[in-house]
């Protein structure tokens, strides 16, 4: 790469950082930590403080961050790039996608541009902006190292997303909730977690794709929760033996693709009433091809309870069209999940 090209890349990094950083915030979280019990059996508690990052989602004070940043808190303080400070309240949180929204009493705030994470390529340059280890508004650079990751170390949730972006842009404790942006200055992900044996960056960071983050944030702002449409099945990735058993090749499906129905969560649920059965492989939903579980999750994330979804499944080498009306995810179903993902 010539000096001129290196200079252009350097200028791009600086321009992106300058454009996006004003929309990044620092979040201080105060909670109560139980440290044991006294001789009489009463819990010992002390005040604990944590830190994270957030992104201004709208000019009127909605702040996008990770659910795990706010999960253990009882009070929240948001610090803007211009050093103004605001008390914040939690509007809503969703553990399955690790997205939460806070609200502060402010207007006219700077907001970023969101990009289409579907267009992200492995190898693309990205910047991560956050507050790692208390170092406010830090910018790191790297590339997209992988896509469709499950998210190393993610808390077990039966509806947890399996579609993280992986990057080697440095993330550390405190980076959570900050934006990952492309060289056009578009937010394509929200920093969420790292894979590490030391507790600090080892080059494996994971970000929630922007499309998922925005869908969930809009739901939380509108309803305070995610109304998750479900048909009551546990699905898993299709392996070679599953493809052979279902007869994907005989049905005209190229390669090993789809989402395998591992179990029905309820015998009288929407999936059972629609005619789905364990061993079926879902290869399309609402006319969109399904290559893996993450793709099917994306389709379901945009559907609400009461919606009807059209599924194309392969069973014994034949394709079947199935219409199912979505119910709403419940705590009982969540507890019934196996090793797969619930839909």
C-alpha atoms as a PDB file:
ATOM      1  CA  UNK A   1       0.000   0.000   0.000  1.00  0.00           C
ATOM      2  CA  UNK A   2       1.475   3.372  -1.036  1.00  0.00           C
ATOM      3  CA  UNK A   3       1.884   6.381   1.222  1.00  0.00           C
ATOM      4  CA  UNK A   4      -1.041   8.140  -0.440  1.00  0.00           C
ATOM      5  CA  UNK A   5      -3.359   5.220   0.212  1.00  0.00           C
ATOM      6  CA  UNK A   6      -2.146   4.930   3.824  1.00  0.00           C
ATOM      7  CA  UNK A   7      -2.792   8.623   4.297  1.00  0.00           C
ATOM      8  CA  UNK A   8      -6.324   8.266   2.940  1.00  0.00           C
ATOM      9  CA  UNK A   9      -6.994   5.360   5.324  1.00  0.00           C
ATOM     10  CA  UNK A  10      -5.641   7.371   8.233  1.00  0.00           C
ATOM     11  CA  UNK A  11      -7.870  10.306   7.296  1.00  0.00           C
ATOM     12  CA  UNK A  12     -10.878   7.963   7.082  1.00  0.00           C
ATOM     13  CA  UNK A  13     -10.281   6.610  10.593  1.00  0.00           C
ATOM     14  CA  UNK A  14      -9.967  10.134  12.008  1.00  0.00           C
ATOM     15  CA  UNK A  15     -13.059  11.410  10.179  1.00  0.00           C
ATOM     16  CA  UNK A  16     -15.200   8.503  11.358  1.00  0.00           C
ATOM     17  CA  UNK A  17     -14.055   8.905  14.950  1.00  0.00           C
ATOM     18  CA  UNK A  18     -14.774  12.634  14.864  1.00  0.00           C
ATOM     19  CA  UNK A  19     -18.232  12.078  13.378  1.00  0.00           C
ATOM     20  CA  UNK A  20     -19.429   9.267  15.660  1.00  0.00           C
ATOM     21  CA  UNK A  21     -17.833   9.965  19.048  1.00  0.00           C
ATOM     22  CA  UNK A  22     -20.220  12.835  19.995  1.00  0.00           C
ATOM     23  CA  UNK A  23     -23.110  10.332  19.944  1.00  0.00           C
ATOM     24  CA  UNK A  24     -21.342   7.939  22.350  1.00  0.00           C
ATOM     25  CA  UNK A  25     -22.025   8.191  26.096  1.00  0.00           C
ATOM     26  CA  UNK A  26     -20.562   6.815  29.297  1.00  0.00           C
ATOM     27  CA  UNK A  27     -22.921   5.016  31.683  1.00  0.00           C
ATOM     28  CA  UNK A  28     -22.361   4.761  35.438  1.00  0.00           C
ATOM     29  CA  UNK A  29     -24.406   2.085  37.186  1.00  0.00           C
ATOM     30  CA  UNK A  30     -24.962   1.820  40.931  1.00  0.00           C
ATOM     31  CA  UNK A  31     -26.284  -1.375  42.461  1.00  0.00           C
ATOM     32  CA  UNK A  32     -26.213  -3.483  45.610  1.00  0.00           C
ATOM     33  CA  UNK A  33     -23.852  -6.447  45.956  1.00  0.00           C
ATOM     34  CA  UNK A  34     -24.490  -9.266  48.437  1.00  0.00           C
ATOM     35  CA  UNK A  35     -21.172 -10.272  50.034  1.00  0.00           C
ATOM     36  CA  UNK A  36     -22.266 -13.028  52.414  1.00  0.00           C
ATOM     37  CA  UNK A  37     -24.172 -13.312  55.699  1.00  0.00           C
ATOM     38  CA  UNK A  38     -23.502 -12.265  59.264  1.00  0.00           C
ATOM     39  CA  UNK A  39     -23.633 -14.526  62.349  1.00  0.00           C
ATOM     40  CA  UNK A  40     -27.407 -14.098  62.571  1.00  0.00           C
ATOM     41  CA  UNK A  41     -27.930 -15.055  58.954  1.00  0.00           C
ATOM     42  CA  UNK A  42     -28.675 -11.586  57.606  1.00  0.00           C
ATOM     43  CA  UNK A  43     -27.305 -10.778  54.178  1.00  0.00           C
ATOM     44  CA  UNK A  44     -24.321  -8.439  54.042  1.00  0.00           C
ATOM     45  CA  UNK A  45     -24.690  -5.905  51.275  1.00  0.00           C
ATOM     46  CA  UNK A  46     -22.572  -3.095  49.931  1.00  0.00           C
ATOM     47  CA  UNK A  47     -22.977  -0.525  47.202  1.00  0.00           C
ATOM     48  CA  UNK A  48     -21.310  -1.565  43.954  1.00  0.00           C
ATOM     49  CA  UNK A  49     -20.586   0.581  40.921  1.00  0.00           C
ATOM     50  CA  UNK A  50     -20.157  -0.471  37.331  1.00  0.00           C
ATOM     51  CA  UNK A  51     -19.455   1.261  34.061  1.00  0.00           C
ATOM     52  CA  UNK A  52     -20.420   0.801  30.449  1.00  0.00           C
ATOM     53  CA  UNK A  53     -21.000   2.569  27.180  1.00  0.00           C
ATOM     54  CA  UNK A  54     -24.116   3.672  25.357  1.00  0.00           C
ATOM     55  CA  UNK A  55     -25.137   5.233  22.058  1.00  0.00           C
ATOM     56  CA  UNK A  56     -27.583   8.108  21.638  1.00  0.00           C
ATOM     57  CA  UNK A  57     -30.471   6.534  19.743  1.00  0.00           C
ATOM     58  CA  UNK A  58     -32.681   9.586  19.255  1.00  0.00           C
ATOM     59  CA  UNK A  59     -32.303  13.358  19.715  1.00  0.00           C
ATOM     60  CA  UNK A  60     -34.857  13.343  22.555  1.00  0.00           C
ATOM     61  CA  UNK A  61     -32.740  11.275  24.925  1.00  0.00           C
ATOM     62  CA  UNK A  62     -33.174   7.567  24.263  1.00  0.00           C
ATOM     63  CA  UNK A  63     -29.880   5.725  24.878  1.00  0.00           C
ATOM     64  CA  UNK A  64     -29.070   2.304  23.416  1.00  0.00           C
ATOM     65  CA  UNK A  65     -26.826  -0.024  25.441  1.00  0.00           C
ATOM     66  CA  UNK A  66     -26.407  -3.667  26.505  1.00  0.00           C
ATOM     67  CA  UNK A  67     -28.869  -5.366  28.816  1.00  0.00           C
ATOM     68  CA  UNK A  68     -26.029  -6.745  30.916  1.00  0.00           C
ATOM     69  CA  UNK A  69     -24.749  -3.202  31.544  1.00  0.00           C
ATOM     70  CA  UNK A  70     -27.950  -2.229  33.370  1.00  0.00           C
ATOM     71  CA  UNK A  71     -29.131  -5.629  34.649  1.00  0.00           C
ATOM     72  CA  UNK A  72     -27.866  -5.352  38.232  1.00  0.00           C
ATOM     73  CA  UNK A  73     -28.341  -1.611  38.691  1.00  0.00           C
ATOM     74  CA  UNK A  74     -30.748   0.443  40.771  1.00  0.00           C
ATOM     75  CA  UNK A  75     -29.672   3.892  39.551  1.00  0.00           C
ATOM     76  CA  UNK A  76     -28.001   5.120  36.363  1.00  0.00           C
ATOM     77  CA  UNK A  77     -26.027   8.172  35.297  1.00  0.00           C
ATOM     78  CA  UNK A  78     -25.331   9.071  31.668  1.00  0.00           C
ATOM     79  CA  UNK A  79     -22.366  11.283  30.799  1.00  0.00           C
ATOM     80  CA  UNK A  80     -22.329  12.868  27.347  1.00  0.00           C
ATOM     81  CA  UNK A  81     -19.263  13.593  25.248  1.00  0.00           C
ATOM     82  CA  UNK A  82     -19.626  17.299  26.114  1.00  0.00           C
ATOM     83  CA  UNK A  83     -19.423  16.313  29.841  1.00  0.00           C
ATOM     84  CA  UNK A  84     -23.043  17.034  30.677  1.00  0.00           C
ATOM     85  CA  UNK A  85     -24.484  14.491  33.119  1.00  0.00           C
ATOM     86  CA  UNK A  86     -28.049  13.171  33.433  1.00  0.00           C
ATOM     87  CA  UNK A  87     -29.858  10.710  35.649  1.00  0.00           C
ATOM     88  CA  UNK A  88     -31.381   7.959  33.531  1.00  0.00           C
ATOM     89  CA  UNK A  89     -34.187   5.449  33.833  1.00  0.00           C
ATOM     90  CA  UNK A  90     -34.510   2.058  32.163  1.00  0.00           C
ATOM     91  CA  UNK A  91     -37.175   2.085  29.454  1.00  0.00           C
ATOM     92  CA  UNK A  92     -36.869  -1.616  28.712  1.00  0.00           C
ATOM     93  CA  UNK A  93     -34.417  -4.493  28.507  1.00  0.00           C
ATOM     94  CA  UNK A  94     -34.195  -7.780  26.631  1.00  0.00           C
ATOM     95  CA  UNK A  95     -31.828 -10.495  27.852  1.00  0.00           C
ATOM     96  CA  UNK A  96     -32.158 -12.658  24.738  1.00  0.00           C
ATOM     97  CA  UNK A  97     -30.590 -10.009  22.507  1.00  0.00           C
ATOM     98  CA  UNK A  98     -28.617  -8.244  25.282  1.00  0.00           C
ATOM     99  CA  UNK A  99     -30.171  -4.890  24.341  1.00  0.00           C
ATOM    100  CA  UNK A 100     -31.521  -2.238  26.724  1.00  0.00           C
ATOM    101  CA  UNK A 101     -32.761   1.329  26.334  1.00  0.00           C
ATOM    102  CA  UNK A 102     -32.326   4.153  28.829  1.00  0.00           C
ATOM    103  CA  UNK A 103     -33.987   7.596  28.795  1.00  0.00           C
ATOM    104  CA  UNK A 104     -32.539  10.934  29.852  1.00  0.00           C
ATOM    105  CA  UNK A 105     -34.223  14.351  29.959  1.00  0.00           C
ATOM    106  CA  UNK A 106     -32.428  15.994  27.049  1.00  0.00           C
ATOM    107  CA  UNK A 107     -33.208  17.176  23.545  1.00  0.00           C
ATOM    108  CA  UNK A 108     -31.296  18.066  20.413  1.00  0.00           C
ATOM    109  CA  UNK A 109     -28.729  15.327  20.981  1.00  0.00           C
ATOM    110  CA  UNK A 110     -26.383  14.134  18.192  1.00  0.00           C
ATOM    111  CA  UNK A 111     -27.272  10.759  16.711  1.00  0.00           C
ATOM    112  CA  UNK A 112     -25.265   8.393  14.508  1.00  0.00           C
ATOM    113  CA  UNK A 113     -26.161   6.891  11.152  1.00  0.00           C
ATOM    114  CA  UNK A 114     -27.012   3.192  11.217  1.00  0.00           C
ATOM    115  CA  UNK A 115     -25.791   0.946   8.417  1.00  0.00           C
ATOM    116  CA  UNK A 116     -27.037  -2.353   6.987  1.00  0.00           C
ATOM    117  CA  UNK A 117     -25.222  -5.140   8.804  1.00  0.00           C
ATOM    118  CA  UNK A 118     -26.273  -7.578   6.060  1.00  0.00           C
ATOM    119  CA  UNK A 119     -23.771  -5.881   3.748  1.00  0.00           C
ATOM    120  CA  UNK A 120     -20.878  -6.351   6.182  1.00  0.00           C
ATOM    121  CA  UNK A 121     -18.086  -8.566   4.849  1.00  0.00           C
ATOM    122  CA  UNK A 122     -15.471 -10.547   6.722  1.00  0.00           C
ATOM    123  CA  UNK A 123     -12.301  -8.488   6.334  1.00  0.00           C
ATOM    124  CA  UNK A 124     -14.010  -5.063   6.371  1.00  0.00           C
ATOM    125  CA  UNK A 125     -12.273  -2.367   8.439  1.00  0.00           C
ATOM    126  CA  UNK A 126     -14.192  -1.207  11.524  1.00  0.00           C
ATOM    127  CA  UNK A 127     -13.735   1.076  14.518  1.00  0.00           C
ATOM    128  CA  UNK A 128     -15.047   0.352  18.034  1.00  0.00           C
ATOM    129  CA  UNK A 129     -15.772   3.319  20.310  1.00  0.00           C
ATOM    130  CA  UNK A 130     -16.341   2.986  24.043  1.00  0.00           C
ATOM    131  CA  UNK A 131     -15.139   3.538  27.587  1.00  0.00           C
ATOM    132  CA  UNK A 132     -12.879   0.538  28.294  1.00  0.00           C
ATOM    133  CA  UNK A 133     -11.280   0.282  31.735  1.00  0.00           C
ATOM    134  CA  UNK A 134     -12.481   3.794  32.556  1.00  0.00           C
ATOM    135  CA  UNK A 135     -10.727   5.379  29.560  1.00  0.00           C
ATOM    136  CA  UNK A 136     -13.545   7.516  28.188  1.00  0.00           C
ATOM    137  CA  UNK A 137     -14.334   7.724  24.473  1.00  0.00           C
ATOM    138  CA  UNK A 138     -11.568   5.400  23.325  1.00  0.00           C
ATOM    139  CA  UNK A 139     -11.374   4.475  19.631  1.00  0.00           C
ATOM    140  CA  UNK A 140      -9.867   1.158  18.487  1.00  0.00           C
ATOM    141  CA  UNK A 141      -9.593  -0.294  15.001  1.00  0.00           C
ATOM    142  CA  UNK A 142      -9.639  -3.726  13.429  1.00  0.00           C
ATOM    143  CA  UNK A 143     -11.559  -5.820  10.945  1.00  0.00           C
ATOM    144  CA  UNK A 144     -14.667  -7.968  10.923  1.00  0.00           C
ATOM    145  CA  UNK A 145     -13.198 -11.369  11.782  1.00  0.00           C
ATOM    146  CA  UNK A 146     -16.347 -13.464  11.410  1.00  0.00           C
ATOM    147  CA  UNK A 147     -20.138 -13.449  11.177  1.00  0.00           C
ATOM    148  CA  UNK A 148     -23.021 -15.513  12.550  1.00  0.00           C
ATOM    149  CA  UNK A 149     -21.229 -16.190  15.831  1.00  0.00           C
ATOM    150  CA  UNK A 150     -23.132 -17.378  18.888  1.00  0.00           C
ATOM    151  CA  UNK A 151     -21.339 -14.949  21.199  1.00  0.00           C
ATOM    152  CA  UNK A 152     -18.672 -16.489  23.415  1.00  0.00           C
ATOM    153  CA  UNK A 153     -19.654 -16.503  27.065  1.00  0.00           C
ATOM    154  CA  UNK A 154     -23.209 -15.271  26.451  1.00  0.00           C
ATOM    155  CA  UNK A 155     -25.634 -15.947  29.285  1.00  0.00           C
ATOM    156  CA  UNK A 156     -27.814 -18.922  28.478  1.00  0.00           C
ATOM    157  CA  UNK A 157     -31.202 -17.821  27.187  1.00  0.00           C
ATOM    158  CA  UNK A 158     -33.449 -20.076  25.109  1.00  0.00           C
ATOM    159  CA  UNK A 159     -34.156 -17.219  22.697  1.00  0.00           C
ATOM    160  CA  UNK A 160     -30.551 -15.930  22.609  1.00  0.00           C
ATOM    161  CA  UNK A 161     -29.341 -14.636  19.250  1.00  0.00           C
ATOM    162  CA  UNK A 162     -26.774 -16.665  17.313  1.00  0.00           C
ATOM    163  CA  UNK A 163     -25.777 -13.902  14.930  1.00  0.00           C
ATOM    164  CA  UNK A 164     -22.999 -11.828  16.516  1.00  0.00           C
ATOM    165  CA  UNK A 165     -20.361 -10.077  14.441  1.00  0.00           C
ATOM    166  CA  UNK A 166     -16.824 -10.977  15.492  1.00  0.00           C
ATOM    167  CA  UNK A 167     -14.080  -8.344  15.392  1.00  0.00           C
ATOM    168  CA  UNK A 168     -10.488  -7.946  16.502  1.00  0.00           C
ATOM    169  CA  UNK A 169     -11.014  -4.234  17.238  1.00  0.00           C
ATOM    170  CA  UNK A 170      -9.994  -4.077  20.906  1.00  0.00           C
ATOM    171  CA  UNK A 171     -12.824  -4.311  23.459  1.00  0.00           C
ATOM    172  CA  UNK A 172     -12.336  -4.396  27.221  1.00  0.00           C
ATOM    173  CA  UNK A 173     -14.563  -4.175  30.312  1.00  0.00           C
ATOM    174  CA  UNK A 174     -16.486  -0.919  29.921  1.00  0.00           C
ATOM    175  CA  UNK A 175     -16.690  -1.162  26.111  1.00  0.00           C
ATOM    176  CA  UNK A 176     -20.058  -2.915  26.278  1.00  0.00           C
ATOM    177  CA  UNK A 177     -22.840  -0.949  24.593  1.00  0.00           C
ATOM    178  CA  UNK A 178     -20.575   1.130  22.363  1.00  0.00           C
ATOM    179  CA  UNK A 179     -20.838   1.285  18.571  1.00  0.00           C
ATOM    180  CA  UNK A 180     -18.860  -0.666  16.002  1.00  0.00           C
ATOM    181  CA  UNK A 181     -18.756   1.441  12.835  1.00  0.00           C
ATOM    182  CA  UNK A 182     -17.603   0.979   9.259  1.00  0.00           C
ATOM    183  CA  UNK A 183     -15.392   3.383   7.346  1.00  0.00           C
ATOM    184  CA  UNK A 184     -18.469   5.249   6.098  1.00  0.00           C
ATOM    185  CA  UNK A 185     -19.200   6.172   9.698  1.00  0.00           C
ATOM    186  CA  UNK A 186     -22.263   3.895   9.889  1.00  0.00           C
ATOM    187  CA  UNK A 187     -23.037   1.900  13.015  1.00  0.00           C
ATOM    188  CA  UNK A 188     -23.127  -1.764  12.019  1.00  0.00           C
ATOM    189  CA  UNK A 189     -22.952  -3.309  15.489  1.00  0.00           C
ATOM    190  CA  UNK A 190     -23.120  -2.782  19.257  1.00  0.00           C
ATOM    191  CA  UNK A 191     -20.169  -4.086  21.292  1.00  0.00           C
ATOM    192  CA  UNK A 192     -21.375  -6.802  23.638  1.00  0.00           C
ATOM    193  CA  UNK A 193     -18.716  -9.184  24.936  1.00  0.00           C
ATOM    194  CA  UNK A 194     -15.245 -10.642  24.525  1.00  0.00           C
ATOM    195  CA  UNK A 195     -13.731 -14.110  24.508  1.00  0.00           C
ATOM    196  CA  UNK A 196     -10.792 -14.051  26.898  1.00  0.00           C
ATOM    197  CA  UNK A 197      -8.784 -16.134  29.346  1.00  0.00           C
ATOM    198  CA  UNK A 198      -7.401 -13.044  31.104  1.00  0.00           C
ATOM    199  CA  UNK A 199     -10.464 -10.827  31.518  1.00  0.00           C
ATOM    200  CA  UNK A 200      -9.154  -8.307  29.003  1.00  0.00           C
ATOM    201  CA  UNK A 201      -8.872  -8.087  25.224  1.00  0.00           C
ATOM    202  CA  UNK A 202      -7.286 -11.019  23.405  1.00  0.00           C
ATOM    203  CA  UNK A 203      -8.538 -10.103  19.943  1.00  0.00           C
ATOM    204  CA  UNK A 204     -11.957 -11.779  20.060  1.00  0.00           C
ATOM    205  CA  UNK A 205     -14.802  -9.286  20.421  1.00  0.00           C
ATOM    206  CA  UNK A 206     -18.479  -9.766  19.584  1.00  0.00           C
ATOM    207  CA  UNK A 207     -21.022  -7.165  18.504  1.00  0.00           C
ATOM    208  CA  UNK A 208     -24.803  -7.339  18.139  1.00  0.00           C
ATOM    209  CA  UNK A 209     -25.704  -6.581  14.503  1.00  0.00           C
ATOM    210  CA  UNK A 210     -27.269  -3.151  14.030  1.00  0.00           C
ATOM    211  CA  UNK A 211     -30.445  -4.546  12.469  1.00  0.00           C
ATOM    212  CA  UNK A 212     -31.177  -6.645  15.559  1.00  0.00           C
ATOM    213  CA  UNK A 213     -30.285  -3.791  17.904  1.00  0.00           C
ATOM    214  CA  UNK A 214     -32.624  -1.353  16.149  1.00  0.00           C
ATOM    215  CA  UNK A 215     -35.542  -3.788  15.946  1.00  0.00           C
ATOM    216  CA  UNK A 216     -35.306  -4.523  19.661  1.00  0.00           C
ATOM    217  CA  UNK A 217     -34.736  -0.892  20.654  1.00  0.00           C
ATOM    218  CA  UNK A 218     -37.839   0.206  18.752  1.00  0.00           C
ATOM    219  CA  UNK A 219     -39.883  -2.483  20.529  1.00  0.00           C
ATOM    220  CA  UNK A 220     -38.565  -1.464  23.939  1.00  0.00           C
ATOM    221  CA  UNK A 221     -39.302   2.213  23.317  1.00  0.00           C
ATOM    222  CA  UNK A 222     -42.817   1.485  22.057  1.00  0.00           C
ATOM    223  CA  UNK A 223     -43.833  -1.239  24.530  1.00  0.00           C
ATOM    224  CA  UNK A 224     -41.210  -1.511  27.282  1.00  0.00           C
ATOM    225  CA  UNK A 225     -40.553  -5.108  26.299  1.00  0.00           C
ATOM    226  CA  UNK A 226     -40.067  -7.300  23.258  1.00  0.00           C
ATOM    227  CA  UNK A 227     -43.273  -8.953  22.119  1.00  0.00           C
ATOM    228  CA  UNK A 228     -41.663 -12.123  20.849  1.00  0.00           C
ATOM    229  CA  UNK A 229     -43.711 -14.141  18.365  1.00  0.00           C
ATOM    230  CA  UNK A 230     -43.152 -17.871  18.692  1.00  0.00           C
ATOM    231  CA  UNK A 231     -44.456 -21.136  17.289  1.00  0.00           C
ATOM    232  CA  UNK A 232     -43.106 -23.231  20.157  1.00  0.00           C
ATOM    233  CA  UNK A 233     -40.271 -25.250  18.649  1.00  0.00           C
ATOM    234  CA  UNK A 234     -36.666 -25.897  19.516  1.00  0.00           C
ATOM    235  CA  UNK A 235     -34.417 -25.625  16.471  1.00  0.00           C
ATOM    236  CA  UNK A 236     -30.794 -26.566  15.888  1.00  0.00           C
ATOM    237  CA  UNK A 237     -28.277 -26.217  13.107  1.00  0.00           C
ATOM    238  CA  UNK A 238     -28.501 -28.786  10.316  1.00  0.00           C
ATOM    239  CA  UNK A 239     -25.602 -31.213  10.205  1.00  0.00           C
ATOM    240  CA  UNK A 240     -24.754 -33.625   7.420  1.00  0.00           C
ATOM    241  CA  UNK A 241     -26.659 -36.513   9.009  1.00  0.00           C
ATOM    242  CA  UNK A 242     -29.736 -34.322   9.494  1.00  0.00           C
ATOM    243  CA  UNK A 243     -29.627 -33.258   5.840  1.00  0.00           C
ATOM    244  CA  UNK A 244     -29.445 -36.871   4.717  1.00  0.00           C
ATOM    245  CA  UNK A 245     -32.233 -37.984   7.062  1.00  0.00           C
ATOM    246  CA  UNK A 246     -34.579 -35.234   5.879  1.00  0.00           C
ATOM    247  CA  UNK A 247     -33.679 -35.797   2.232  1.00  0.00           C
ATOM    248  CA  UNK A 248     -32.601 -32.237   1.461  1.00  0.00           C
ATOM    249  CA  UNK A 249     -30.836 -33.213  -1.754  1.00  0.00           C
ATOM    250  CA  UNK A 250     -33.908 -35.098  -3.037  1.00  0.00           C
ATOM    251  CA  UNK A 251     -35.991 -31.987  -2.331  1.00  0.00           C
ATOM    252  CA  UNK A 252     -33.664 -29.864  -4.440  1.00  0.00           C
ATOM    253  CA  UNK A 253     -31.885 -28.078  -1.572  1.00  0.00           C
ATOM    254  CA  UNK A 254     -28.255 -27.388  -2.386  1.00  0.00           C
ATOM    255  CA  UNK A 255     -25.775 -28.293   0.320  1.00  0.00           C
ATOM    256  CA  UNK A 256     -26.413 -28.477   4.037  1.00  0.00           C
ATOM    257  CA  UNK A 257     -28.781 -25.669   4.983  1.00  0.00           C
ATOM    258  CA  UNK A 258     -31.843 -24.782   7.012  1.00  0.00           C
ATOM    259  CA  UNK A 259     -32.910 -25.114  10.646  1.00  0.00           C
ATOM    260  CA  UNK A 260     -33.799 -28.533  12.042  1.00  0.00           C
ATOM    261  CA  UNK A 261     -36.830 -28.900  14.286  1.00  0.00           C
ATOM    262  CA  UNK A 262     -35.397 -30.751  17.285  1.00  0.00           C
ATOM    263  CA  UNK A 263     -38.521 -30.758  19.467  1.00  0.00           C
ATOM    264  CA  UNK A 264     -41.959 -29.263  19.967  1.00  0.00           C
ATOM    265  CA  UNK A 265     -42.051 -27.223  23.156  1.00  0.00           C
ATOM    266  CA  UNK A 266     -45.765 -27.801  23.692  1.00  0.00           C
ATOM    267  CA  UNK A 267     -47.835 -30.657  22.231  1.00  0.00           C
ATOM    268  CA  UNK A 268     -50.768 -28.259  21.667  1.00  0.00           C
ATOM    269  CA  UNK A 269     -48.728 -25.238  20.544  1.00  0.00           C
ATOM    270  CA  UNK A 270     -48.793 -23.384  17.194  1.00  0.00           C
ATOM    271  CA  UNK A 271     -46.164 -25.657  15.618  1.00  0.00           C
ATOM    272  CA  UNK A 272     -48.025 -28.812  16.523  1.00  0.00           C
ATOM    273  CA  UNK A 273     -51.349 -27.410  15.274  1.00  0.00           C
ATOM    274  CA  UNK A 274     -49.678 -26.353  12.016  1.00  0.00           C
ATOM    275  CA  UNK A 275     -48.267 -29.842  11.434  1.00  0.00           C
ATOM    276  CA  UNK A 276     -44.553 -29.383  12.167  1.00  0.00           C
ATOM    277  CA  UNK A 277     -42.740 -32.439  13.487  1.00  0.00           C
ATOM    278  CA  UNK A 278     -39.295 -33.184  14.955  1.00  0.00           C
ATOM    279  CA  UNK A 279     -36.818 -33.878  12.183  1.00  0.00           C
ATOM    280  CA  UNK A 280     -38.389 -31.392   9.770  1.00  0.00           C
ATOM    281  CA  UNK A 281     -35.899 -28.976   8.251  1.00  0.00           C
ATOM    282  CA  UNK A 282     -37.145 -25.427   7.728  1.00  0.00           C
ATOM    283  CA  UNK A 283     -35.599 -24.155   4.481  1.00  0.00           C
ATOM    284  CA  UNK A 284     -37.643 -20.973   3.939  1.00  0.00           C
ATOM    285  CA  UNK A 285     -39.850 -18.575   5.905  1.00  0.00           C
ATOM    286  CA  UNK A 286     -42.159 -15.991   4.359  1.00  0.00           C
ATOM    287  CA  UNK A 287     -40.426 -16.526   1.030  1.00  0.00           C
ATOM    288  CA  UNK A 288     -36.896 -15.993   2.375  1.00  0.00           C
ATOM    289  CA  UNK A 289     -34.367 -18.805   2.153  1.00  0.00           C
ATOM    290  CA  UNK A 290     -33.143 -20.089   5.512  1.00  0.00           C
ATOM    291  CA  UNK A 291     -29.512 -21.169   5.468  1.00  0.00           C
ATOM    292  CA  UNK A 292     -29.008 -21.393   9.239  1.00  0.00           C
ATOM    293  CA  UNK A 293     -30.721 -20.849  12.596  1.00  0.00           C
ATOM    294  CA  UNK A 294     -29.543 -17.222  12.809  1.00  0.00           C
ATOM    295  CA  UNK A 295     -31.332 -16.367   9.560  1.00  0.00           C
ATOM    296  CA  UNK A 296     -34.580 -17.869  10.823  1.00  0.00           C
ATOM    297  CA  UNK A 297     -34.200 -15.954  14.106  1.00  0.00           C
ATOM    298  CA  UNK A 298     -33.933 -12.694  12.174  1.00  0.00           C
ATOM    299  CA  UNK A 299     -37.182 -13.431  10.349  1.00  0.00           C
ATOM    300  CA  UNK A 300     -38.993 -14.290  13.584  1.00  0.00           C
ATOM    301  CA  UNK A 301     -37.620 -11.211  15.361  1.00  0.00           C
ATOM    302  CA  UNK A 302     -39.654  -9.007  13.039  1.00  0.00           C
ATOM    303  CA  UNK A 303     -42.887 -10.930  13.676  1.00  0.00           C
ATOM    304  CA  UNK A 304     -45.368 -10.349  16.495  1.00  0.00           C
ATOM    305  CA  UNK A 305     -47.802 -12.607  18.372  1.00  0.00           C
ATOM    306  CA  UNK A 306     -50.883 -13.122  16.228  1.00  0.00           C
ATOM    307  CA  UNK A 307     -48.975 -12.854  12.942  1.00  0.00           C
ATOM    308  CA  UNK A 308     -49.114 -15.747  10.492  1.00  0.00           C
ATOM    309  CA  UNK A 309     -45.853 -17.067   9.119  1.00  0.00           C
ATOM    310  CA  UNK A 310     -45.420 -19.290   6.079  1.00  0.00           C
ATOM    311  CA  UNK A 311     -42.764 -21.974   6.453  1.00  0.00           C
ATOM    312  CA  UNK A 312     -41.360 -24.291   3.837  1.00  0.00           C
ATOM    313  CA  UNK A 313     -40.062 -27.520   5.344  1.00  0.00           C
ATOM    314  CA  UNK A 314     -38.418 -30.624   3.982  1.00  0.00           C
ATOM    315  CA  UNK A 315     -39.545 -34.006   5.292  1.00  0.00           C
ATOM    316  CA  UNK A 316     -38.644 -37.367   3.768  1.00  0.00           C
ATOM    317  CA  UNK A 317     -37.278 -35.726   0.631  1.00  0.00           C
ATOM    318  CA  UNK A 318     -40.415 -33.677  -0.080  1.00  0.00           C
ATOM    319  CA  UNK A 319     -41.194 -29.994   0.436  1.00  0.00           C
ATOM    320  CA  UNK A 320     -44.223 -28.971   2.480  1.00  0.00           C
ATOM    321  CA  UNK A 321     -45.813 -25.549   2.912  1.00  0.00           C
ATOM    322  CA  UNK A 322     -46.974 -24.855   6.452  1.00  0.00           C
ATOM    323  CA  UNK A 323     -48.853 -21.837   7.815  1.00  0.00           C
ATOM    324  CA  UNK A 324     -48.533 -21.179  11.532  1.00  0.00           C
ATOM    325  CA  UNK A 325     -50.040 -18.430  13.667  1.00  0.00           C
ATOM    326  CA  UNK A 326     -47.536 -17.094  16.169  1.00  0.00           C
ATOM    327  CA  UNK A 327     -48.176 -17.164  19.893  1.00  0.00           C
ATOM    328  CA  UNK A 328     -46.257 -15.116  22.470  1.00  0.00           C
ATOM    329  CA  UNK A 329     -43.152 -16.413  24.205  1.00  0.00           C
ATOM    330  CA  UNK A 330     -43.776 -17.306  27.831  1.00  0.00           C
ATOM    331  CA  UNK A 331     -41.595 -18.016  30.848  1.00  0.00           C
ATOM    332  CA  UNK A 332     -42.870 -21.603  30.931  1.00  0.00           C
ATOM    333  CA  UNK A 333     -41.731 -22.271  27.399  1.00  0.00           C
ATOM    334  CA  UNK A 334     -38.366 -20.642  28.088  1.00  0.00           C
ATOM    335  CA  UNK A 335     -37.732 -23.044  30.960  1.00  0.00           C
ATOM    336  CA  UNK A 336     -38.545 -25.952  28.701  1.00  0.00           C
ATOM    337  CA  UNK A 337     -35.822 -25.253  26.149  1.00  0.00           C
ATOM    338  CA  UNK A 338     -33.142 -27.833  25.435  1.00  0.00           C
ATOM    339  CA  UNK A 339     -29.704 -27.337  23.934  1.00  0.00           C
ATOM    340  CA  UNK A 340     -31.124 -25.599  20.862  1.00  0.00           C
ATOM    341  CA  UNK A 341     -32.827 -22.248  20.335  1.00  0.00           C
ATOM    342  CA  UNK A 342     -36.541 -21.643  20.812  1.00  0.00           C
ATOM    343  CA  UNK A 343     -38.702 -20.094  18.124  1.00  0.00           C
END
